[in-house]
N, C-alpha and C. Protein backbone atom coordinates (compact mmCIF):
# COMPACT_ATOMS: atom_id res chain seq x y z
N MET A 1 0.80 -1.14 0.00
CA MET A 1 0.00 0.00 0.00
C MET A 1 0.87 1.24 0.00
N PRO A 2 0.59 2.19 -0.87
CA PRO A 2 1.40 3.41 -0.95
C PRO A 2 1.08 4.37 0.18
N PHE A 3 2.06 5.13 0.52
CA PHE A 3 1.87 6.15 1.55
C PHE A 3 1.01 7.30 1.01
N PRO A 4 0.21 7.86 1.89
CA PRO A 4 -0.59 9.00 1.40
C PRO A 4 0.33 10.20 1.14
N PRO A 5 -0.04 11.08 0.25
CA PRO A 5 0.81 12.24 -0.05
C PRO A 5 0.90 13.17 1.18
N PRO A 6 2.03 13.80 1.38
CA PRO A 6 2.18 14.70 2.53
C PRO A 6 1.18 15.86 2.42
N PRO A 7 0.75 16.36 3.57
CA PRO A 7 -0.18 17.48 3.51
C PRO A 7 0.51 18.69 2.86
N ARG A 8 -0.25 19.39 2.11
CA ARG A 8 0.31 20.52 1.36
C ARG A 8 0.36 21.76 2.26
N MET A 9 1.52 22.38 2.34
CA MET A 9 1.70 23.60 3.13
C MET A 9 1.30 24.79 2.28
N PRO A 10 0.48 25.68 2.82
CA PRO A 10 0.09 26.84 2.03
C PRO A 10 1.30 27.75 1.80
N SER A 11 1.35 28.30 0.61
CA SER A 11 2.46 29.21 0.31
C SER A 11 2.10 30.60 0.82
N GLY A 12 3.11 31.37 1.16
CA GLY A 12 2.88 32.72 1.63
C GLY A 12 2.79 32.78 3.15
N PRO A 13 2.61 33.96 3.69
CA PRO A 13 2.58 34.12 5.14
C PRO A 13 1.29 33.58 5.75
N ARG A 14 1.38 33.16 6.97
CA ARG A 14 0.21 32.68 7.68
C ARG A 14 -0.56 33.86 8.24
N ARG A 15 -1.80 33.58 8.58
CA ARG A 15 -2.67 34.62 9.11
C ARG A 15 -2.10 35.21 10.40
N ARG A 16 -1.57 34.35 11.25
CA ARG A 16 -1.00 34.81 12.52
C ARG A 16 0.16 35.78 12.29
N SER A 17 1.04 35.50 11.32
CA SER A 17 2.17 36.39 11.03
C SER A 17 1.69 37.74 10.50
N LEU A 18 0.63 37.73 9.70
CA LEU A 18 0.12 39.00 9.18
C LEU A 18 -0.41 39.87 10.31
N PHE A 19 -1.15 39.26 11.25
CA PHE A 19 -1.67 40.04 12.37
C PHE A 19 -0.53 40.59 13.23
N ALA A 20 0.47 39.80 13.47
CA ALA A 20 1.61 40.25 14.27
C ALA A 20 2.35 41.39 13.57
N SER A 21 2.51 41.28 12.26
CA SER A 21 3.19 42.33 11.50
C SER A 21 2.39 43.62 11.50
N ALA A 22 1.08 43.50 11.33
CA ALA A 22 0.23 44.69 11.32
C ALA A 22 0.25 45.37 12.69
N ALA A 23 0.21 44.59 13.76
CA ALA A 23 0.24 45.17 15.11
C ALA A 23 1.58 45.85 15.35
N GLY A 24 2.67 45.24 14.91
CA GLY A 24 3.99 45.85 15.06
C GLY A 24 4.11 47.14 14.28
N ALA A 25 3.55 47.17 13.08
CA ALA A 25 3.60 48.39 12.27
C ALA A 25 2.83 49.52 12.94
N VAL A 26 1.68 49.20 13.52
CA VAL A 26 0.90 50.23 14.21
C VAL A 26 1.69 50.78 15.40
N LEU A 27 2.36 49.93 16.14
CA LEU A 27 3.15 50.38 17.28
C LEU A 27 4.31 51.26 16.82
N LEU A 28 4.98 50.87 15.74
CA LEU A 28 6.10 51.66 15.25
C LEU A 28 5.65 53.02 14.78
N VAL A 29 4.54 53.09 14.07
CA VAL A 29 4.04 54.37 13.59
C VAL A 29 3.67 55.25 14.77
N GLY A 30 3.05 54.69 15.77
CA GLY A 30 2.68 55.47 16.95
C GLY A 30 3.89 55.99 17.69
N CYS A 31 4.96 55.21 17.75
CA CYS A 31 6.17 55.65 18.47
C CYS A 31 6.94 56.70 17.70
N SER A 32 6.97 56.60 16.39
CA SER A 32 7.82 57.49 15.62
C SER A 32 7.21 58.86 15.42
N SER A 33 5.93 59.04 15.68
CA SER A 33 5.33 60.34 15.45
C SER A 33 5.40 61.25 16.66
N ALA A 34 5.94 60.78 17.76
CA ALA A 34 6.02 61.60 18.97
C ALA A 34 7.11 62.65 18.82
N PRO A 35 6.90 63.86 19.34
CA PRO A 35 7.94 64.89 19.25
C PRO A 35 9.14 64.53 20.11
N ASP A 36 10.29 65.09 19.72
CA ASP A 36 11.53 64.82 20.44
C ASP A 36 11.61 65.71 21.66
N THR A 37 11.28 65.16 22.84
CA THR A 37 11.33 65.96 24.06
C THR A 37 12.43 65.48 24.99
N ASP A 38 13.16 64.47 24.63
CA ASP A 38 14.24 63.92 25.45
C ASP A 38 13.76 63.52 26.84
N GLY A 39 12.48 63.16 26.95
CA GLY A 39 11.94 62.70 28.21
C GLY A 39 11.87 63.78 29.27
N THR A 40 11.80 65.04 28.86
CA THR A 40 11.80 66.13 29.83
C THR A 40 10.41 66.69 30.07
N ALA A 41 9.37 66.03 29.58
CA ALA A 41 7.97 66.39 29.83
C ALA A 41 7.68 67.87 29.62
N GLY A 42 7.85 68.34 28.40
CA GLY A 42 7.47 69.70 28.08
C GLY A 42 8.61 70.69 27.96
N SER A 43 9.76 70.40 28.51
CA SER A 43 10.87 71.34 28.36
C SER A 43 11.49 71.15 26.97
N PRO A 44 12.20 72.16 26.48
CA PRO A 44 12.73 72.08 25.12
C PRO A 44 13.76 70.95 24.96
N SER A 45 13.77 70.36 23.77
CA SER A 45 14.73 69.29 23.48
C SER A 45 16.13 69.89 23.29
N ALA A 46 17.11 69.02 23.23
CA ALA A 46 18.48 69.47 23.02
C ALA A 46 18.61 70.20 21.69
N ALA A 47 17.89 69.72 20.68
CA ALA A 47 17.94 70.37 19.36
C ALA A 47 17.32 71.77 19.44
N ASP A 48 16.21 71.91 20.18
CA ASP A 48 15.59 73.23 20.33
C ASP A 48 16.51 74.18 21.07
N ARG A 49 17.17 73.69 22.10
CA ARG A 49 18.10 74.52 22.85
C ARG A 49 19.29 74.94 21.98
N ALA A 50 19.79 74.01 21.17
CA ALA A 50 20.92 74.32 20.29
C ALA A 50 20.51 75.34 19.23
N ARG A 51 19.29 75.20 18.70
CA ARG A 51 18.78 76.14 17.70
C ARG A 51 18.65 77.54 18.31
N ALA A 52 18.10 77.62 19.53
CA ALA A 52 17.95 78.91 20.20
C ALA A 52 19.31 79.53 20.50
N ARG A 53 20.26 78.72 20.94
CA ARG A 53 21.61 79.21 21.23
C ARG A 53 22.27 79.73 19.96
N ALA A 54 22.10 79.01 18.84
CA ALA A 54 22.70 79.44 17.58
C ALA A 54 22.08 80.75 17.11
N ALA A 55 20.76 80.90 17.28
CA ALA A 55 20.09 82.14 16.90
C ALA A 55 20.59 83.30 17.76
N ARG A 56 20.72 83.05 19.06
CA ARG A 56 21.19 84.09 19.98
C ARG A 56 22.64 84.48 19.65
N ASP A 57 23.48 83.50 19.37
CA ASP A 57 24.88 83.79 19.03
C ASP A 57 24.99 84.61 17.75
N SER A 58 24.18 84.25 16.75
CA SER A 58 24.19 85.00 15.50
C SER A 58 23.66 86.41 15.70
N ALA A 59 22.63 86.57 16.55
CA ALA A 59 22.11 87.91 16.84
C ALA A 59 23.18 88.75 17.53
N GLY A 60 23.96 88.14 18.41
CA GLY A 60 25.06 88.85 19.05
C GLY A 60 26.12 89.27 18.04
N LEU A 61 26.35 88.42 17.05
CA LEU A 61 27.31 88.75 16.01
C LEU A 61 26.81 89.92 15.16
N VAL A 62 25.50 89.96 14.89
CA VAL A 62 24.92 91.09 14.17
C VAL A 62 25.18 92.38 14.95
N GLU A 63 25.00 92.33 16.27
CA GLU A 63 25.27 93.51 17.11
C GLU A 63 26.74 93.92 17.03
N HIS A 64 27.62 92.93 16.94
CA HIS A 64 29.06 93.23 16.82
C HIS A 64 29.31 93.95 15.49
N TYR A 65 28.73 93.43 14.41
CA TYR A 65 28.86 94.11 13.11
C TYR A 65 28.33 95.53 13.19
N ASP A 66 27.16 95.72 13.82
CA ASP A 66 26.56 97.04 13.95
C ASP A 66 27.49 97.99 14.71
N ALA A 67 28.11 97.49 15.77
CA ALA A 67 29.00 98.33 16.57
C ALA A 67 30.22 98.75 15.75
N VAL A 68 30.78 97.83 14.98
CA VAL A 68 31.95 98.16 14.16
C VAL A 68 31.56 99.15 13.07
N ILE A 69 30.40 98.95 12.45
CA ILE A 69 29.95 99.87 11.40
C ILE A 69 29.69 101.26 11.98
N ALA A 70 29.11 101.30 13.19
CA ALA A 70 28.85 102.60 13.83
C ALA A 70 30.16 103.31 14.18
N ALA A 71 31.15 102.58 14.63
CA ALA A 71 32.42 103.19 15.02
C ALA A 71 33.30 103.53 13.82
N HIS A 72 33.14 102.77 12.73
CA HIS A 72 33.97 102.97 11.53
C HIS A 72 33.08 102.99 10.29
N PRO A 73 32.42 104.10 10.00
CA PRO A 73 31.50 104.17 8.85
C PRO A 73 32.19 103.87 7.52
N GLY A 74 33.48 104.07 7.43
CA GLY A 74 34.21 103.76 6.21
C GLY A 74 34.23 102.28 5.87
N LEU A 75 33.99 101.43 6.87
CA LEU A 75 33.96 99.97 6.65
C LEU A 75 32.56 99.45 6.30
N ALA A 76 31.57 100.35 6.33
CA ALA A 76 30.17 99.92 6.16
C ALA A 76 29.95 99.17 4.84
N GLU A 77 30.50 99.68 3.76
CA GLU A 77 30.30 99.03 2.46
C GLU A 77 30.90 97.62 2.44
N ARG A 78 32.01 97.45 3.06
CA ARG A 78 32.68 96.14 3.11
C ARG A 78 31.94 95.17 4.03
N LEU A 79 31.39 95.68 5.14
CA LEU A 79 30.78 94.81 6.15
C LEU A 79 29.29 94.53 5.92
N ARG A 80 28.60 95.39 5.18
CA ARG A 80 27.16 95.23 5.00
C ARG A 80 26.77 93.86 4.42
N PRO A 81 27.42 93.34 3.39
CA PRO A 81 27.03 92.02 2.87
C PRO A 81 27.25 90.89 3.88
N LEU A 82 28.33 90.98 4.65
CA LEU A 82 28.60 89.95 5.65
C LEU A 82 27.56 90.03 6.77
N ARG A 83 27.22 91.24 7.18
CA ARG A 83 26.20 91.43 8.21
C ARG A 83 24.86 90.89 7.73
N ALA A 84 24.52 91.14 6.47
CA ALA A 84 23.26 90.64 5.91
C ALA A 84 23.21 89.11 5.96
N GLU A 85 24.34 88.47 5.70
CA GLU A 85 24.40 87.00 5.79
C GLU A 85 24.13 86.54 7.22
N VAL A 86 24.72 87.22 8.19
CA VAL A 86 24.54 86.84 9.59
C VAL A 86 23.08 87.04 10.00
N VAL A 87 22.44 88.08 9.49
CA VAL A 87 21.01 88.29 9.77
C VAL A 87 20.21 87.12 9.21
N ARG A 88 20.57 86.63 8.03
CA ARG A 88 19.88 85.45 7.46
C ARG A 88 20.13 84.20 8.32
N HIS A 89 21.31 84.11 8.92
CA HIS A 89 21.58 82.98 9.81
C HIS A 89 20.67 83.03 11.03
N VAL A 90 20.49 84.23 11.59
CA VAL A 90 19.59 84.38 12.74
C VAL A 90 18.20 83.87 12.36
N ALA A 91 17.71 84.30 11.20
CA ALA A 91 16.38 83.88 10.74
C ALA A 91 16.32 82.38 10.49
N ALA A 92 17.38 81.81 9.96
CA ALA A 92 17.40 80.36 9.68
C ALA A 92 17.29 79.55 10.96
N PHE A 93 17.80 80.09 12.06
CA PHE A 93 17.70 79.40 13.35
C PHE A 93 16.43 79.76 14.10
N GLY A 94 15.60 80.61 13.52
CA GLY A 94 14.32 80.93 14.13
C GLY A 94 14.35 82.13 15.05
N GLY A 95 15.38 82.93 15.00
CA GLY A 95 15.46 84.11 15.85
C GLY A 95 15.20 85.37 15.08
N THR A 96 15.39 86.50 15.73
CA THR A 96 15.29 87.80 15.08
C THR A 96 16.60 88.54 15.31
N ALA A 97 16.89 89.51 14.48
CA ALA A 97 18.17 90.21 14.56
C ALA A 97 18.33 90.97 15.87
N SER A 98 17.22 91.30 16.53
CA SER A 98 17.34 92.03 17.79
C SER A 98 17.40 91.10 18.99
N GLY A 99 17.34 89.81 18.78
CA GLY A 99 17.37 88.81 19.85
C GLY A 99 16.84 87.50 19.32
N THR A 100 16.51 86.56 20.19
CA THR A 100 16.01 85.28 19.75
C THR A 100 14.57 85.11 20.16
N ALA A 101 13.88 84.21 19.45
CA ALA A 101 12.48 83.95 19.75
C ALA A 101 12.33 83.08 20.98
N THR A 102 13.31 82.21 21.24
CA THR A 102 13.21 81.29 22.36
C THR A 102 14.40 81.46 23.29
N PRO A 103 14.15 81.71 24.55
CA PRO A 103 15.29 81.79 25.47
C PRO A 103 15.85 80.41 25.74
N SER A 104 17.11 80.36 26.08
CA SER A 104 17.76 79.08 26.36
C SER A 104 18.24 79.06 27.80
N ALA A 105 18.15 77.89 28.39
CA ALA A 105 18.60 77.75 29.78
C ALA A 105 20.11 77.80 29.89
N SER A 106 20.80 77.26 28.89
CA SER A 106 22.27 77.24 28.95
C SER A 106 22.82 78.45 28.21
N ALA A 107 23.37 79.38 28.91
CA ALA A 107 23.89 80.59 28.29
C ALA A 107 25.28 80.35 27.75
N SER A 108 25.52 80.92 26.59
CA SER A 108 26.86 80.84 26.03
C SER A 108 27.41 82.25 25.97
N PRO A 109 28.71 82.40 25.91
CA PRO A 109 29.28 83.73 25.91
C PRO A 109 28.78 84.53 24.72
N SER A 110 28.46 85.76 24.96
CA SER A 110 27.94 86.62 23.91
C SER A 110 29.10 87.16 23.08
N VAL A 111 28.84 87.33 21.79
CA VAL A 111 29.86 87.87 20.91
C VAL A 111 29.56 89.33 20.60
N SER A 112 28.54 89.90 21.25
CA SER A 112 28.18 91.28 20.97
C SER A 112 29.16 92.24 21.65
N VAL A 113 29.26 93.42 21.06
CA VAL A 113 30.19 94.44 21.56
C VAL A 113 29.47 95.78 21.49
N SER A 114 29.62 96.60 22.50
CA SER A 114 29.03 97.94 22.46
C SER A 114 29.90 98.83 21.58
N PRO A 115 29.29 99.85 20.95
CA PRO A 115 30.07 100.72 20.06
C PRO A 115 31.27 101.36 20.77
N SER A 116 31.15 101.63 22.05
CA SER A 116 32.26 102.26 22.76
C SER A 116 33.43 101.28 22.97
N ALA A 117 33.16 99.98 22.90
CA ALA A 117 34.21 98.98 23.10
C ALA A 117 34.96 98.64 21.81
N VAL A 118 34.52 99.18 20.70
CA VAL A 118 35.18 98.92 19.42
C VAL A 118 36.48 99.71 19.36
N PRO A 119 37.58 99.07 18.98
CA PRO A 119 38.87 99.77 18.88
C PRO A 119 38.79 100.94 17.90
N THR A 120 39.58 101.97 18.16
CA THR A 120 39.57 103.14 17.28
C THR A 120 40.28 102.86 15.96
N ASP A 121 41.17 101.89 15.95
CA ASP A 121 41.86 101.51 14.72
C ASP A 121 40.98 100.53 13.95
N ALA A 122 40.65 100.86 12.70
CA ALA A 122 39.74 100.05 11.89
C ALA A 122 40.30 98.65 11.65
N LYS A 123 41.60 98.54 11.46
CA LYS A 123 42.21 97.23 11.22
C LYS A 123 42.07 96.33 12.44
N VAL A 124 42.25 96.89 13.63
CA VAL A 124 42.10 96.12 14.87
C VAL A 124 40.63 95.72 15.05
N ALA A 125 39.72 96.63 14.71
CA ALA A 125 38.28 96.32 14.81
C ALA A 125 37.91 95.16 13.90
N LEU A 126 38.47 95.16 12.68
CA LEU A 126 38.21 94.05 11.76
C LEU A 126 38.80 92.74 12.29
N THR A 127 39.97 92.82 12.89
CA THR A 127 40.60 91.63 13.47
C THR A 127 39.75 91.06 14.59
N GLU A 128 39.22 91.93 15.45
CA GLU A 128 38.37 91.46 16.53
C GLU A 128 37.07 90.85 16.00
N LEU A 129 36.51 91.45 14.95
CA LEU A 129 35.30 90.90 14.34
C LEU A 129 35.59 89.53 13.72
N ALA A 130 36.74 89.40 13.07
CA ALA A 130 37.14 88.11 12.49
C ALA A 130 37.34 87.07 13.60
N THR A 131 37.91 87.49 14.72
CA THR A 131 38.10 86.57 15.85
C THR A 131 36.76 86.10 16.39
N ALA A 132 35.80 87.01 16.50
CA ALA A 132 34.46 86.63 16.97
C ALA A 132 33.82 85.64 16.00
N GLU A 133 33.96 85.88 14.69
CA GLU A 133 33.42 84.95 13.69
C GLU A 133 34.10 83.58 13.81
N ARG A 134 35.43 83.58 13.95
CA ARG A 134 36.18 82.32 14.03
C ARG A 134 35.80 81.54 15.28
N THR A 135 35.70 82.22 16.41
CA THR A 135 35.33 81.56 17.66
C THR A 135 33.96 80.92 17.56
N LEU A 136 33.01 81.65 16.99
CA LEU A 136 31.65 81.12 16.84
C LEU A 136 31.61 79.96 15.85
N ALA A 137 32.34 80.07 14.74
CA ALA A 137 32.38 78.97 13.77
C ALA A 137 33.00 77.72 14.38
N ASP A 138 34.05 77.89 15.18
CA ASP A 138 34.67 76.74 15.84
C ASP A 138 33.73 76.08 16.84
N ARG A 139 33.03 76.91 17.61
CA ARG A 139 32.09 76.37 18.60
C ARG A 139 30.96 75.61 17.92
N ARG A 140 30.50 76.14 16.79
CA ARG A 140 29.42 75.46 16.05
C ARG A 140 29.91 74.16 15.45
N THR A 141 31.13 74.13 14.97
CA THR A 141 31.69 72.91 14.41
C THR A 141 31.78 71.81 15.47
N GLU A 142 32.18 72.20 16.68
CA GLU A 142 32.27 71.22 17.77
C GLU A 142 30.91 70.69 18.19
N ALA A 143 29.88 71.50 18.05
CA ALA A 143 28.53 71.10 18.49
C ALA A 143 27.84 70.16 17.50
N LEU A 144 28.38 70.00 16.33
CA LEU A 144 27.71 69.20 15.29
C LEU A 144 27.43 67.76 15.70
N LEU A 145 28.33 67.15 16.42
CA LEU A 145 28.19 65.73 16.75
C LEU A 145 26.99 65.43 17.63
N ASP A 146 26.52 66.40 18.39
CA ASP A 146 25.44 66.17 19.33
C ASP A 146 24.06 66.52 18.78
N LEU A 147 23.97 66.89 17.50
CA LEU A 147 22.70 67.36 16.95
C LEU A 147 22.13 66.40 15.91
N PRO A 148 20.80 66.41 15.75
CA PRO A 148 20.18 65.58 14.73
C PRO A 148 20.49 66.10 13.33
N GLY A 149 20.28 65.27 12.33
CA GLY A 149 20.68 65.50 10.94
C GLY A 149 20.46 66.88 10.36
N GLU A 150 19.22 67.32 10.23
CA GLU A 150 18.94 68.57 9.53
C GLU A 150 19.54 69.77 10.26
N LEU A 151 19.42 69.81 11.56
CA LEU A 151 20.00 70.91 12.33
C LEU A 151 21.53 70.87 12.24
N ALA A 152 22.11 69.69 12.25
CA ALA A 152 23.57 69.57 12.12
C ALA A 152 24.02 70.10 10.76
N ARG A 153 23.27 69.78 9.71
CA ARG A 153 23.63 70.29 8.38
C ARG A 153 23.54 71.81 8.33
N LEU A 154 22.48 72.37 8.93
CA LEU A 154 22.32 73.82 8.96
C LEU A 154 23.47 74.47 9.73
N LEU A 155 23.79 73.91 10.89
CA LEU A 155 24.87 74.45 11.71
C LEU A 155 26.21 74.35 10.98
N ALA A 156 26.44 73.24 10.28
CA ALA A 156 27.68 73.08 9.51
C ALA A 156 27.77 74.12 8.40
N SER A 157 26.66 74.37 7.74
CA SER A 157 26.63 75.36 6.67
C SER A 157 26.92 76.76 7.20
N VAL A 158 26.31 77.09 8.33
CA VAL A 158 26.53 78.41 8.92
C VAL A 158 27.96 78.53 9.45
N ALA A 159 28.51 77.45 10.00
CA ALA A 159 29.90 77.47 10.46
C ALA A 159 30.85 77.68 9.27
N ALA A 160 30.55 77.06 8.15
CA ALA A 160 31.37 77.25 6.95
C ALA A 160 31.28 78.69 6.45
N ALA A 161 30.08 79.25 6.51
CA ALA A 161 29.92 80.66 6.11
C ALA A 161 30.72 81.56 7.04
N GLY A 162 30.71 81.24 8.33
CA GLY A 162 31.50 82.01 9.29
C GLY A 162 32.99 81.94 8.98
N ALA A 163 33.46 80.76 8.60
CA ALA A 163 34.87 80.61 8.22
C ALA A 163 35.18 81.44 6.97
N ALA A 164 34.25 81.49 6.03
CA ALA A 164 34.44 82.33 4.84
C ALA A 164 34.46 83.81 5.23
N HIS A 165 33.62 84.20 6.19
CA HIS A 165 33.63 85.59 6.66
C HIS A 165 34.98 85.94 7.27
N VAL A 166 35.56 85.01 8.01
CA VAL A 166 36.88 85.24 8.61
C VAL A 166 37.88 85.53 7.50
N TYR A 167 37.86 84.74 6.45
CA TYR A 167 38.77 84.95 5.33
C TYR A 167 38.56 86.33 4.71
N LEU A 168 37.29 86.68 4.49
CA LEU A 168 37.00 87.96 3.86
C LEU A 168 37.37 89.15 4.76
N LEU A 169 37.24 88.97 6.06
CA LEU A 169 37.60 90.04 6.99
C LEU A 169 39.10 90.22 7.12
N THR A 170 39.85 89.15 6.95
CA THR A 170 41.32 89.22 7.11
C THR A 170 42.05 89.22 5.78
N GLU A 171 41.33 89.26 4.68
CA GLU A 171 41.91 89.17 3.34
C GLU A 171 42.99 90.20 3.09
N GLY A 172 42.81 91.42 3.54
CA GLY A 172 43.78 92.49 3.26
C GLY A 172 45.02 92.43 4.13
N GLU A 173 45.07 91.55 5.11
CA GLU A 173 46.21 91.48 6.03
C GLU A 173 47.42 90.76 5.46
N ALA A 174 47.21 89.88 4.51
CA ALA A 174 48.31 89.05 4.00
C ALA A 174 49.27 89.79 3.14
């Protein structure tokens, strides 16, 4: 007597696997749509704090440009395009040129300077402005590793622009 044929296994996924996959997908979608709060229950995330700090730092740099332009009107034509770029950086981080939209708990050193603190020698004033740009660009470059993708790219771009500003500010010294 011949053996009966083996039972045929259905091809494709079983009903149980489909239900498990669908339930897992629903859980993943629910988890991924939550805002990034770093578990601080309503306080700003690290990315929000970094964005506010970057806006505040750029606003301080705008004030530094304003102080140098006020003290040395002859440099205004040279500095106006660079200042306009810094104003765009403030806006890109969500701040305004007169300050930031969001205060930050962690204060960083301000790069702003009062007009009376600007050196009387225009070359020294440009050097100090270049130093402020370089310091801020370096600080932003160091902060890149701790930030999420899009904000890190924005910060890297602004840091690169700051490095270009340093070159343009010190171009005549060589």
